[in-house]
Amino acid sequence: MWLPWESQDKPANMAISFPNRSRSYDATRRAVHFWGHDRSIESSFYVTAEALGQFQPNARPDADDLLRAFDSNRDRIYAIAAKVYARGRRGSYDLNIADF
């Protein structure tokens, strides 16, 4: 029960989930695009080709190999995306080598 003298300024829940397993290659950004959800808010994430190259150094920098690298490391990428998201809400998030 909320009492009038108590502050209603409570930290926002920064929990994000990744129920949508869709992903696509964005040639303009040279990144794999995927989405996360915090309640009803959808956020876009982009993991760069350079960052994906850290996971699979022998991968070619083309859409097929980068999508395979993403799929093979999805859990780790999601964990990093959640940490980046927790730093503060934005419209989209770029995950690069420094985040990994």
PDB file of N, CA and C in Angstrom:
ATOM      1  N   MET A   1       0.832  -1.175   0.000  1.00  0.00           N
ATOM      2  CA  MET A   1       0.000   0.000   0.000  1.00  0.00           C
ATOM      3  C   MET A   1       0.878   1.240   0.000  1.00  0.00           C
ATOM      4  N   TRP A   2       0.565   2.182  -0.867  1.00  0.00           N
ATOM      5  CA  TRP A   2       1.318   3.424  -0.955  1.00  0.00           C
ATOM      6  C   TRP A   2       0.762   4.427   0.030  1.00  0.00           C
ATOM      7  N   LEU A   3       1.649   5.039   0.785  1.00  0.00           N
ATOM      8  CA  LEU A   3       1.253   6.083   1.728  1.00  0.00           C
ATOM      9  C   LEU A   3       1.706   7.428   1.182  1.00  0.00           C
ATOM     10  N   PRO A   4       0.914   8.493   1.376  1.00  0.00           N
ATOM     11  CA  PRO A   4       1.207   9.794   0.758  1.00  0.00           C
ATOM     12  C   PRO A   4       2.590  10.331   1.075  1.00  0.00           C
ATOM     13  N   TRP A   5       3.173  10.012   2.188  1.00  0.00           N
ATOM     14  CA  TRP A   5       4.477  10.555   2.554  1.00  0.00           C
ATOM     15  C   TRP A   5       5.636   9.721   2.003  1.00  0.00           C
ATOM     16  N   GLU A   6       5.323   8.593   1.377  1.00  0.00           N
ATOM     17  CA  GLU A   6       6.367   7.772   0.770  1.00  0.00           C
ATOM     18  C   GLU A   6       6.623   8.227  -0.667  1.00  0.00           C
ATOM     19  N   SER A   7       7.867   8.156  -1.054  1.00  0.00           N
ATOM     20  CA  SER A   7       8.235   8.535  -2.415  1.00  0.00           C
ATOM     21  C   SER A   7       7.746   7.486  -3.403  1.00  0.00           C
ATOM     22  N   GLN A   8       7.258   7.966  -4.530  1.00  0.00           N
ATOM     23  CA  GLN A   8       6.853   7.046  -5.590  1.00  0.00           C
ATOM     24  C   GLN A   8       7.968   6.899  -6.616  1.00  0.00           C
ATOM     25  N   ASP A   9       9.089   7.543  -6.387  1.00  0.00           N
ATOM     26  CA  ASP A   9      10.216   7.479  -7.312  1.00  0.00           C
ATOM     27  C   ASP A   9      11.005   6.200  -7.070  1.00  0.00           C
ATOM     28  N   LYS A  10      10.566   5.150  -7.675  1.00  0.00           N
ATOM     29  CA  LYS A  10      11.257   3.871  -7.550  1.00  0.00           C
ATOM     30  C   LYS A  10      11.990   3.605  -8.853  1.00  0.00           C
ATOM     31  N   PRO A  11      13.134   2.945  -8.786  1.00  0.00           N
ATOM     32  CA  PRO A  11      13.855   2.675 -10.025  1.00  0.00           C
ATOM     33  C   PRO A  11      13.011   1.857 -10.985  1.00  0.00           C
ATOM     34  N   ALA A  12      13.113   2.200 -12.249  1.00  0.00           N
ATOM     35  CA  ALA A  12      12.371   1.466 -13.279  1.00  0.00           C
ATOM     36  C   ALA A  12      12.949   0.071 -13.435  1.00  0.00           C
ATOM     37  N   ASN A  13      12.096  -0.868 -13.742  1.00  0.00           N
ATOM     38  CA  ASN A  13      12.540  -2.224 -14.009  1.00  0.00           C
ATOM     39  C   ASN A  13      13.279  -2.227 -15.342  1.00  0.00           C
ATOM     40  N   MET A  14      14.533  -2.559 -15.310  1.00  0.00           N
ATOM     41  CA  MET A  14      15.351  -2.529 -16.510  1.00  0.00           C
ATOM     42  C   MET A  14      15.535  -3.931 -17.087  1.00  0.00           C
ATOM     43  N   ALA A  15      14.595  -4.811 -16.808  1.00  0.00           N
ATOM     44  CA  ALA A  15      14.707  -6.177 -17.302  1.00  0.00           C
ATOM     45  C   ALA A  15      14.280  -6.237 -18.757  1.00  0.00           C
ATOM     46  N   ILE A  16      15.122  -6.832 -19.553  1.00  0.00           N
ATOM     47  CA  ILE A  16      14.801  -6.994 -20.964  1.00  0.00           C
ATOM     48  C   ILE A  16      14.869  -8.478 -21.299  1.00  0.00           C
ATOM     49  N   SER A  17      14.016  -8.864 -22.214  1.00  0.00           N
ATOM     50  CA  SER A  17      14.023 -10.264 -22.659  1.00  0.00           C
ATOM     51  C   SER A  17      14.091 -10.273 -24.181  1.00  0.00           C
ATOM     52  N   PHE A  18      14.374 -11.435 -24.716  1.00  0.00           N
ATOM     53  CA  PHE A  18      14.551 -11.580 -26.154  1.00  0.00           C
ATOM     54  C   PHE A  18      13.686 -12.735 -26.665  1.00  0.00           C
ATOM     55  N   PRO A  19      12.355 -12.577 -26.585  1.00  0.00           N
ATOM     56  CA  PRO A  19      11.475 -13.675 -26.997  1.00  0.00           C
ATOM     57  C   PRO A  19      11.403 -13.855 -28.515  1.00  0.00           C
ATOM     58  N   ASN A  20      11.713 -12.812 -29.248  1.00  0.00           N
ATOM     59  CA  ASN A  20      11.667 -12.859 -30.706  1.00  0.00           C
ATOM     60  C   ASN A  20      13.045 -13.303 -31.207  1.00  0.00           C
ATOM     61  N   ARG A  21      13.139 -14.494 -31.743  1.00  0.00           N
ATOM     62  CA  ARG A  21      14.427 -15.019 -32.188  1.00  0.00           C
ATOM     63  C   ARG A  21      14.815 -14.540 -33.584  1.00  0.00           C
ATOM     64  N   SER A  22      14.011 -13.659 -34.158  1.00  0.00           N
ATOM     65  CA  SER A  22      14.325 -13.119 -35.478  1.00  0.00           C
ATOM     66  C   SER A  22      15.578 -12.267 -35.411  1.00  0.00           C
ATOM     67  N   ARG A  23      16.320 -12.280 -36.493  1.00  0.00           N
ATOM     68  CA  ARG A  23      17.481 -11.418 -36.652  1.00  0.00           C
ATOM     69  C   ARG A  23      17.690 -11.239 -38.131  1.00  0.00           C
ATOM     70  N   SER A  24      18.359 -10.170 -38.497  1.00  0.00           N
ATOM     71  CA  SER A  24      18.616  -9.913 -39.906  1.00  0.00           C
ATOM     72  C   SER A  24      19.952  -9.193 -40.032  1.00  0.00           C
ATOM     73  N   TYR A  25      20.499  -9.267 -41.236  1.00  0.00           N
ATOM     74  CA  TYR A  25      21.748  -8.566 -41.496  1.00  0.00           C
ATOM     75  C   TYR A  25      21.430  -7.201 -42.087  1.00  0.00           C
ATOM     76  N   ASP A  26      22.012  -6.163 -41.521  1.00  0.00           N
ATOM     77  CA  ASP A  26      21.850  -4.797 -42.006  1.00  0.00           C
ATOM     78  C   ASP A  26      23.149  -4.404 -42.704  1.00  0.00           C
ATOM     79  N   ALA A  27      23.132  -4.412 -44.030  1.00  0.00           N
ATOM     80  CA  ALA A  27      24.340  -4.141 -44.807  1.00  0.00           C
ATOM     81  C   ALA A  27      24.839  -2.711 -44.619  1.00  0.00           C
ATOM     82  N   THR A  28      23.936  -1.771 -44.412  1.00  0.00           N
ATOM     83  CA  THR A  28      24.329  -0.375 -44.230  1.00  0.00           C
ATOM     84  C   THR A  28      25.162  -0.206 -42.962  1.00  0.00           C
ATOM     85  N   ARG A  29      24.753  -0.862 -41.902  1.00  0.00           N
ATOM     86  CA  ARG A  29      25.469  -0.767 -40.623  1.00  0.00           C
ATOM     87  C   ARG A  29      26.565  -1.821 -40.479  1.00  0.00           C
ATOM     88  N   ARG A  30      26.561  -2.806 -41.385  1.00  0.00           N
ATOM     89  CA  ARG A  30      27.453  -3.966 -41.265  1.00  0.00           C
ATOM     90  C   ARG A  30      27.287  -4.595 -39.885  1.00  0.00           C
ATOM     91  N   ALA A  31      26.038  -4.946 -39.584  1.00  0.00           N
ATOM     92  CA  ALA A  31      25.695  -5.468 -38.264  1.00  0.00           C
ATOM     93  C   ALA A  31      24.489  -6.394 -38.356  1.00  0.00           C
ATOM     94  N   VAL A  32      24.370  -7.249 -37.359  1.00  0.00           N
ATOM     95  CA  VAL A  32      23.180  -8.092 -37.235  1.00  0.00           C
ATOM     96  C   VAL A  32      22.205  -7.361 -36.318  1.00  0.00           C
ATOM     97  N   HIS A  33      20.983  -7.249 -36.783  1.00  0.00           N
ATOM     98  CA  HIS A  33      19.919  -6.528 -36.080  1.00  0.00           C
ATOM     99  C   HIS A  33      19.015  -7.538 -35.384  1.00  0.00           C
ATOM    100  N   PHE A  34      18.720  -7.285 -34.104  1.00  0.00           N
ATOM    101  CA  PHE A  34      17.772  -8.121 -33.364  1.00  0.00           C
ATOM    102  C   PHE A  34      17.018  -7.229 -32.389  1.00  0.00           C
ATOM    103  N   TRP A  35      15.994  -7.787 -31.755  1.00  0.00           N
ATOM    104  CA  TRP A  35      15.093  -6.988 -30.927  1.00  0.00           C
ATOM    105  C   TRP A  35      14.967  -7.566 -29.530  1.00  0.00           C
ATOM    106  N   GLY A  36      14.781  -6.663 -28.573  1.00  0.00           N
ATOM    107  CA  GLY A  36      14.510  -7.043 -27.198  1.00  0.00           C
ATOM    108  C   GLY A  36      13.243  -6.356 -26.730  1.00  0.00           C
ATOM    109  N   HIS A  37      12.656  -6.895 -25.663  1.00  0.00           N
ATOM    110  CA  HIS A  37      11.403  -6.351 -25.140  1.00  0.00           C
ATOM    111  C   HIS A  37      11.502  -6.150 -23.632  1.00  0.00           C
ATOM    112  N   ASP A  38      11.103  -4.964 -23.202  1.00  0.00           N
ATOM    113  CA  ASP A  38      10.960  -4.640 -21.788  1.00  0.00           C
ATOM    114  C   ASP A  38       9.483  -4.311 -21.602  1.00  0.00           C
ATOM    115  N   ARG A  39       8.754  -5.282 -21.100  1.00  0.00           N
ATOM    116  CA  ARG A  39       7.293  -5.192 -21.046  1.00  0.00           C
ATOM    117  C   ARG A  39       6.764  -4.950 -22.452  1.00  0.00           C
ATOM    118  N   SER A  40       6.136  -3.823 -22.711  1.00  0.00           N
ATOM    119  CA  SER A  40       5.564  -3.583 -24.039  1.00  0.00           C
ATOM    120  C   SER A  40       6.475  -2.743 -24.935  1.00  0.00           C
ATOM    121  N   ILE A  41       7.648  -2.392 -24.454  1.00  0.00           N
ATOM    122  CA  ILE A  41       8.571  -1.560 -25.224  1.00  0.00           C
ATOM    123  C   ILE A  41       9.549  -2.445 -25.986  1.00  0.00           C
ATOM    124  N   GLU A  42       9.611  -2.228 -27.312  1.00  0.00           N
ATOM    125  CA  GLU A  42      10.553  -2.976 -28.146  1.00  0.00           C
ATOM    126  C   GLU A  42      11.767  -2.102 -28.425  1.00  0.00           C
ATOM    127  N   SER A  43      12.948  -2.679 -28.296  1.00  0.00           N
ATOM    128  CA  SER A  43      14.194  -1.967 -28.569  1.00  0.00           C
ATOM    129  C   SER A  43      14.992  -2.712 -29.621  1.00  0.00           C
ATOM    130  N   SER A  44      15.657  -1.962 -30.484  1.00  0.00           N
ATOM    131  CA  SER A  44      16.513  -2.533 -31.518  1.00  0.00           C
ATOM    132  C   SER A  44      17.940  -2.617 -31.031  1.00  0.00           C
ATOM    133  N   PHE A  45      18.592  -3.709 -31.363  1.00  0.00           N
ATOM    134  CA  PHE A  45      19.995  -3.926 -31.052  1.00  0.00           C
ATOM    135  C   PHE A  45      20.724  -4.264 -32.340  1.00  0.00           C
ATOM    136  N   TYR A  46      21.957  -3.788 -32.452  1.00  0.00           N
ATOM    137  CA  TYR A  46      22.814  -4.086 -33.594  1.00  0.00           C
ATOM    138  C   TYR A  46      24.153  -4.561 -33.058  1.00  0.00           C
ATOM    139  N   VAL A  47      24.568  -5.748 -33.448  1.00  0.00           N
ATOM    140  CA  VAL A  47      25.894  -6.233 -33.069  1.00  0.00           C
ATOM    141  C   VAL A  47      26.756  -6.171 -34.324  1.00  0.00           C
ATOM    142  N   THR A  48      27.874  -5.453 -34.220  1.00  0.00           N
ATOM    143  CA  THR A  48      28.693  -5.173 -35.393  1.00  0.00           C
ATOM    144  C   THR A  48      29.415  -6.412 -35.908  1.00  0.00           C
ATOM    145  N   ALA A  49      29.774  -6.348 -37.190  1.00  0.00           N
ATOM    146  CA  ALA A  49      30.523  -7.443 -37.810  1.00  0.00           C
ATOM    147  C   ALA A  49      31.856  -7.651 -37.088  1.00  0.00           C
ATOM    148  N   GLU A  50      32.490  -6.578 -36.666  1.00  0.00           N
ATOM    149  CA  GLU A  50      33.767  -6.692 -35.954  1.00  0.00           C
ATOM    150  C   GLU A  50      33.596  -7.432 -34.630  1.00  0.00           C
ATOM    151  N   ALA A  51      32.524  -7.127 -33.912  1.00  0.00           N
ATOM    152  CA  ALA A  51      32.269  -7.823 -32.648  1.00  0.00           C
ATOM    153  C   ALA A  51      31.977  -9.300 -32.888  1.00  0.00           C
ATOM    154  N   LEU A  52      31.197  -9.598 -33.905  1.00  0.00           N
ATOM    155  CA  LEU A  52      30.914 -11.001 -34.221  1.00  0.00           C
ATOM    156  C   LEU A  52      32.178 -11.728 -34.647  1.00  0.00           C
ATOM    157  N   GLY A  53      33.109 -11.019 -35.263  1.00  0.00           N
ATOM    158  CA  GLY A  53      34.391 -11.611 -35.636  1.00  0.00           C
ATOM    159  C   GLY A  53      35.196 -12.072 -34.440  1.00  0.00           C
ATOM    160  N   GLN A  54      34.938 -11.493 -33.270  1.00  0.00           N
ATOM    161  CA  GLN A  54      35.610 -11.937 -32.038  1.00  0.00           C
ATOM    162  C   GLN A  54      35.183 -13.359 -31.670  1.00  0.00           C
ATOM    163  N   PHE A  55      33.937 -13.693 -31.982  1.00  0.00           N
ATOM    164  CA  PHE A  55      33.416 -15.016 -31.662  1.00  0.00           C
ATOM    165  C   PHE A  55      33.924 -16.075 -32.629  1.00  0.00           C
ATOM    166  N   GLN A  56      33.974 -15.705 -33.906  1.00  0.00           N
ATOM    167  CA  GLN A  56      34.384 -16.649 -34.940  1.00  0.00           C
ATOM    168  C   GLN A  56      35.357 -15.948 -35.881  1.00  0.00           C
ATOM    169  N   PRO A  57      36.631 -15.930 -35.506  1.00  0.00           N
ATOM    170  CA  PRO A  57      37.631 -15.194 -36.288  1.00  0.00           C
ATOM    171  C   PRO A  57      37.761 -15.663 -37.740  1.00  0.00           C
ATOM    172  N   ASN A  58      37.437 -16.915 -38.030  1.00  0.00           N
ATOM    173  CA  ASN A  58      37.581 -17.431 -39.392  1.00  0.00           C
ATOM    174  C   ASN A  58      36.359 -17.143 -40.270  1.00  0.00           C
ATOM    175  N   ALA A  59      35.344 -16.531 -39.704  1.00  0.00           N
ATOM    176  CA  ALA A  59      34.122 -16.248 -40.464  1.00  0.00           C
ATOM    177  C   ALA A  59      34.392 -15.163 -41.505  1.00  0.00           C
ATOM    178  N   ARG A  60      33.784 -15.340 -42.660  1.00  0.00           N
ATOM    179  CA  ARG A  60      33.865 -14.300 -43.689  1.00  0.00           C
ATOM    180  C   ARG A  60      32.927 -13.156 -43.297  1.00  0.00           C
ATOM    181  N   PRO A  61      33.251 -11.947 -43.694  1.00  0.00           N
ATOM    182  CA  PRO A  61      32.398 -10.805 -43.326  1.00  0.00           C
ATOM    183  C   PRO A  61      31.202 -10.650 -44.263  1.00  0.00           C
ATOM    184  N   ASP A  62      30.494 -11.750 -44.505  1.00  0.00           N
ATOM    185  CA  ASP A  62      29.288 -11.674 -45.332  1.00  0.00           C
ATOM    186  C   ASP A  62      28.075 -12.005 -44.472  1.00  0.00           C
ATOM    187  N   ALA A  63      26.906 -11.742 -44.995  1.00  0.00           N
ATOM    188  CA  ALA A  63      25.666 -11.894 -44.228  1.00  0.00           C
ATOM    189  C   ALA A  63      25.500 -13.308 -43.675  1.00  0.00           C
ATOM    190  N   ASP A  64      25.728 -14.326 -44.489  1.00  0.00           N
ATOM    191  CA  ASP A  64      25.508 -15.702 -44.035  1.00  0.00           C
ATOM    192  C   ASP A  64      26.401 -16.078 -42.866  1.00  0.00           C
ATOM    193  N   ASP A  65      27.703 -15.785 -42.968  1.00  0.00           N
ATOM    194  CA  ASP A  65      28.618 -16.133 -41.882  1.00  0.00           C
ATOM    195  C   ASP A  65      28.354 -15.309 -40.625  1.00  0.00           C
ATOM    196  N   LEU A  66      28.008 -14.047 -40.790  1.00  0.00           N
ATOM    197  CA  LEU A  66      27.730 -13.214 -39.618  1.00  0.00           C
ATOM    198  C   LEU A  66      26.452 -13.660 -38.909  1.00  0.00           C
ATOM    199  N   LEU A  67      25.443 -14.060 -39.663  1.00  0.00           N
ATOM    200  CA  LEU A  67      24.225 -14.584 -39.043  1.00  0.00           C
ATOM    201  C   LEU A  67      24.504 -15.905 -38.333  1.00  0.00           C
ATOM    202  N   ARG A  68      25.360 -16.744 -38.917  1.00  0.00           N
ATOM    203  CA  ARG A  68      25.744 -18.004 -38.247  1.00  0.00           C
ATOM    204  C   ARG A  68      26.502 -17.715 -36.951  1.00  0.00           C
ATOM    205  N   ALA A  69      27.410 -16.743 -36.998  1.00  0.00           N
ATOM    206  CA  ALA A  69      28.153 -16.367 -35.792  1.00  0.00           C
ATOM    207  C   ALA A  69      27.195 -15.864 -34.712  1.00  0.00           C
ATOM    208  N   PHE A  70      26.211 -15.078 -35.102  1.00  0.00           N
ATOM    209  CA  PHE A  70      25.206 -14.603 -34.152  1.00  0.00           C
ATOM    210  C   PHE A  70      24.445 -15.779 -33.551  1.00  0.00           C
ATOM    211  N   ASP A  71      23.951 -16.677 -34.398  1.00  0.00           N
ATOM    212  CA  ASP A  71      23.164 -17.811 -33.921  1.00  0.00           C
ATOM    213  C   ASP A  71      23.968 -18.707 -32.983  1.00  0.00           C
ATOM    214  N   SER A  72      25.241 -18.908 -33.285  1.00  0.00           N
ATOM    215  CA  SER A  72      26.089 -19.778 -32.459  1.00  0.00           C
ATOM    216  C   SER A  72      26.412 -19.163 -31.105  1.00  0.00           C
ATOM    217  N   ASN A  73      26.276 -17.856 -30.996  1.00  0.00           N
ATOM    218  CA  ASN A  73      26.647 -17.155 -29.759  1.00  0.00           C
ATOM    219  C   ASN A  73      25.502 -16.328 -29.195  1.00  0.00           C
ATOM    220  N   ARG A  74      24.300 -16.717 -29.544  1.00  0.00           N
ATOM    221  CA  ARG A  74      23.103 -15.957 -29.179  1.00  0.00           C
ATOM    222  C   ARG A  74      22.994 -15.692 -27.672  1.00  0.00           C
ATOM    223  N   ASP A  75      23.194 -16.700 -26.839  1.00  0.00           N
ATOM    224  CA  ASP A  75      23.040 -16.519 -25.392  1.00  0.00           C
ATOM    225  C   ASP A  75      24.029 -15.487 -24.841  1.00  0.00           C
ATOM    226  N   ARG A  76      25.257 -15.563 -25.301  1.00  0.00           N
ATOM    227  CA  ARG A  76      26.264 -14.603 -24.837  1.00  0.00           C
ATOM    228  C   ARG A  76      25.925 -13.195 -25.331  1.00  0.00           C
ATOM    229  N   ILE A  77      25.486 -13.077 -26.563  1.00  0.00           N
ATOM    230  CA  ILE A  77      25.115 -11.771 -27.119  1.00  0.00           C
ATOM    231  C   ILE A  77      23.930 -11.190 -26.359  1.00  0.00           C
ATOM    232  N   TYR A  78      22.940 -12.018 -26.054  1.00  0.00           N
ATOM    233  CA  TYR A  78      21.787 -11.543 -25.283  1.00  0.00           C
ATOM    234  C   TYR A  78      22.216 -11.057 -23.897  1.00  0.00           C
ATOM    235  N   ALA A  79      23.124 -11.771 -23.252  1.00  0.00           N
ATOM    236  CA  ALA A  79      23.592 -11.367 -21.919  1.00  0.00           C
ATOM    237  C   ALA A  79      24.288 -10.001 -21.986  1.00  0.00           C
ATOM    238  N   ILE A  80      25.099  -9.802 -23.006  1.00  0.00           N
ATOM    239  CA  ILE A  80      25.786  -8.523 -23.161  1.00  0.00           C
ATOM    240  C   ILE A  80      24.788  -7.423 -23.508  1.00  0.00           C
ATOM    241  N   ALA A  81      23.828  -7.737 -24.365  1.00  0.00           N
ATOM    242  CA  ALA A  81      22.801  -6.760 -24.731  1.00  0.00           C
ATOM    243  C   ALA A  81      22.016  -6.321 -23.489  1.00  0.00           C
ATOM    244  N   ALA A  82      21.716  -7.247 -22.598  1.00  0.00           N
ATOM    245  CA  ALA A  82      20.985  -6.908 -21.369  1.00  0.00           C
ATOM    246  C   ALA A  82      21.810  -5.971 -20.490  1.00  0.00           C
ATOM    247  N   LYS A  83      23.124  -6.177 -20.422  1.00  0.00           N
ATOM    248  CA  LYS A  83      23.988  -5.290 -19.634  1.00  0.00           C
ATOM    249  C   LYS A  83      24.037  -3.890 -20.249  1.00  0.00           C
ATOM    250  N   VAL A  84      24.146  -3.823 -21.558  1.00  0.00           N
ATOM    251  CA  VAL A  84      24.172  -2.526 -22.236  1.00  0.00           C
ATOM    252  C   VAL A  84      22.829  -1.818 -22.039  1.00  0.00           C
ATOM    253  N   TYR A  85      21.747  -2.551 -22.140  1.00  0.00           N
ATOM    254  CA  TYR A  85      20.410  -1.982 -21.951  1.00  0.00           C
ATOM    255  C   TYR A  85      20.246  -1.414 -20.537  1.00  0.00           C
ATOM    256  N   ALA A  86      20.795  -2.098 -19.555  1.00  0.00           N
ATOM    257  CA  ALA A  86      20.658  -1.671 -18.163  1.00  0.00           C
ATOM    258  C   ALA A  86      21.377  -0.352 -17.880  1.00  0.00           C
ATOM    259  N   ARG A  87      22.290   0.043 -18.738  1.00  0.00           N
ATOM    260  CA  ARG A  87      23.001   1.317 -18.549  1.00  0.00           C
ATOM    261  C   ARG A  87      22.103   2.517 -18.780  1.00  0.00           C
ATOM    262  N   GLY A  88      21.003   2.320 -19.501  1.00  0.00           N
ATOM    263  CA  GLY A  88      20.078   3.414 -19.761  1.00  0.00           C
ATOM    264  C   GLY A  88      19.316   3.174 -21.042  1.00  0.00           C
ATOM    265  N   ARG A  89      18.085   3.599 -21.045  1.00  0.00           N
ATOM    266  CA  ARG A  89      17.217   3.362 -22.199  1.00  0.00           C
ATOM    267  C   ARG A  89      17.509   4.342 -23.327  1.00  0.00           C
ATOM    268  N   ARG A  90      17.526   3.777 -24.526  1.00  0.00           N
ATOM    269  CA  ARG A  90      17.689   4.551 -25.754  1.00  0.00           C
ATOM    270  C   ARG A  90      16.797   3.916 -26.805  1.00  0.00           C
ATOM    271  N   GLY A  91      16.754   4.519 -27.966  1.00  0.00           N
ATOM    272  CA  GLY A  91      15.951   3.976 -29.053  1.00  0.00           C
ATOM    273  C   GLY A  91      16.556   2.721 -29.650  1.00  0.00           C
ATOM    274  N   SER A  92      17.883   2.715 -29.774  1.00  0.00           N
ATOM    275  CA  SER A  92      18.567   1.531 -30.292  1.00  0.00           C
ATOM    276  C   SER A  92      19.932   1.426 -29.625  1.00  0.00           C
ATOM    277  N   TYR A  93      20.500   0.260 -29.728  1.00  0.00           N
ATOM    278  CA  TYR A  93      21.756  -0.034 -29.040  1.00  0.00           C
ATOM    279  C   TYR A  93      22.721  -0.678 -30.011  1.00  0.00           C
ATOM    280  N   ASP A  94      23.940  -0.151 -30.070  1.00  0.00           N
ATOM    281  CA  ASP A  94      24.988  -0.720 -30.898  1.00  0.00           C
ATOM    282  C   ASP A  94      25.949  -1.486 -29.999  1.00  0.00           C
ATOM    283  N   LEU A  95      26.094  -2.770 -30.273  1.00  0.00           N
ATOM    284  CA  LEU A  95      27.028  -3.602 -29.525  1.00  0.00           C
ATOM    285  C   LEU A  95      28.284  -3.738 -30.366  1.00  0.00           C
ATOM    286  N   ASN A  96      29.413  -3.295 -29.822  1.00  0.00           N
ATOM    287  CA  ASN A  96      30.659  -3.367 -30.567  1.00  0.00           C
ATOM    288  C   ASN A  96      31.723  -4.102 -29.761  1.00  0.00           C
ATOM    289  N   ILE A  97      32.919  -4.142 -30.286  1.00  0.00           N
ATOM    290  CA  ILE A  97      33.988  -4.911 -29.657  1.00  0.00           C
ATOM    291  C   ILE A  97      34.182  -4.527 -28.194  1.00  0.00           C
ATOM    292  N   ALA A  98      34.087  -3.266 -27.865  1.00  0.00           N
ATOM    293  CA  ALA A  98      34.304  -2.803 -26.487  1.00  0.00           C
ATOM    294  C   ALA A  98      33.296  -3.410 -25.511  1.00  0.00           C
ATOM    295  N   ASP A  99      32.119  -3.776 -25.982  1.00  0.00           N
ATOM    296  CA  ASP A  99      31.100  -4.364 -25.109  1.00  0.00           C
ATOM    297  C   ASP A  99      31.369  -5.838 -24.814  1.00  0.00           C
ATOM    298  N   PHE A 100      32.180  -6.472 -25.639  1.00  0.00           N
ATOM    299  CA  PHE A 100      32.468  -7.888 -25.469  1.00  0.00           C
ATOM    300  C   PHE A 100      33.779  -8.052 -24.784  1.00  0.00           C
TER     301      PHE A 100
END
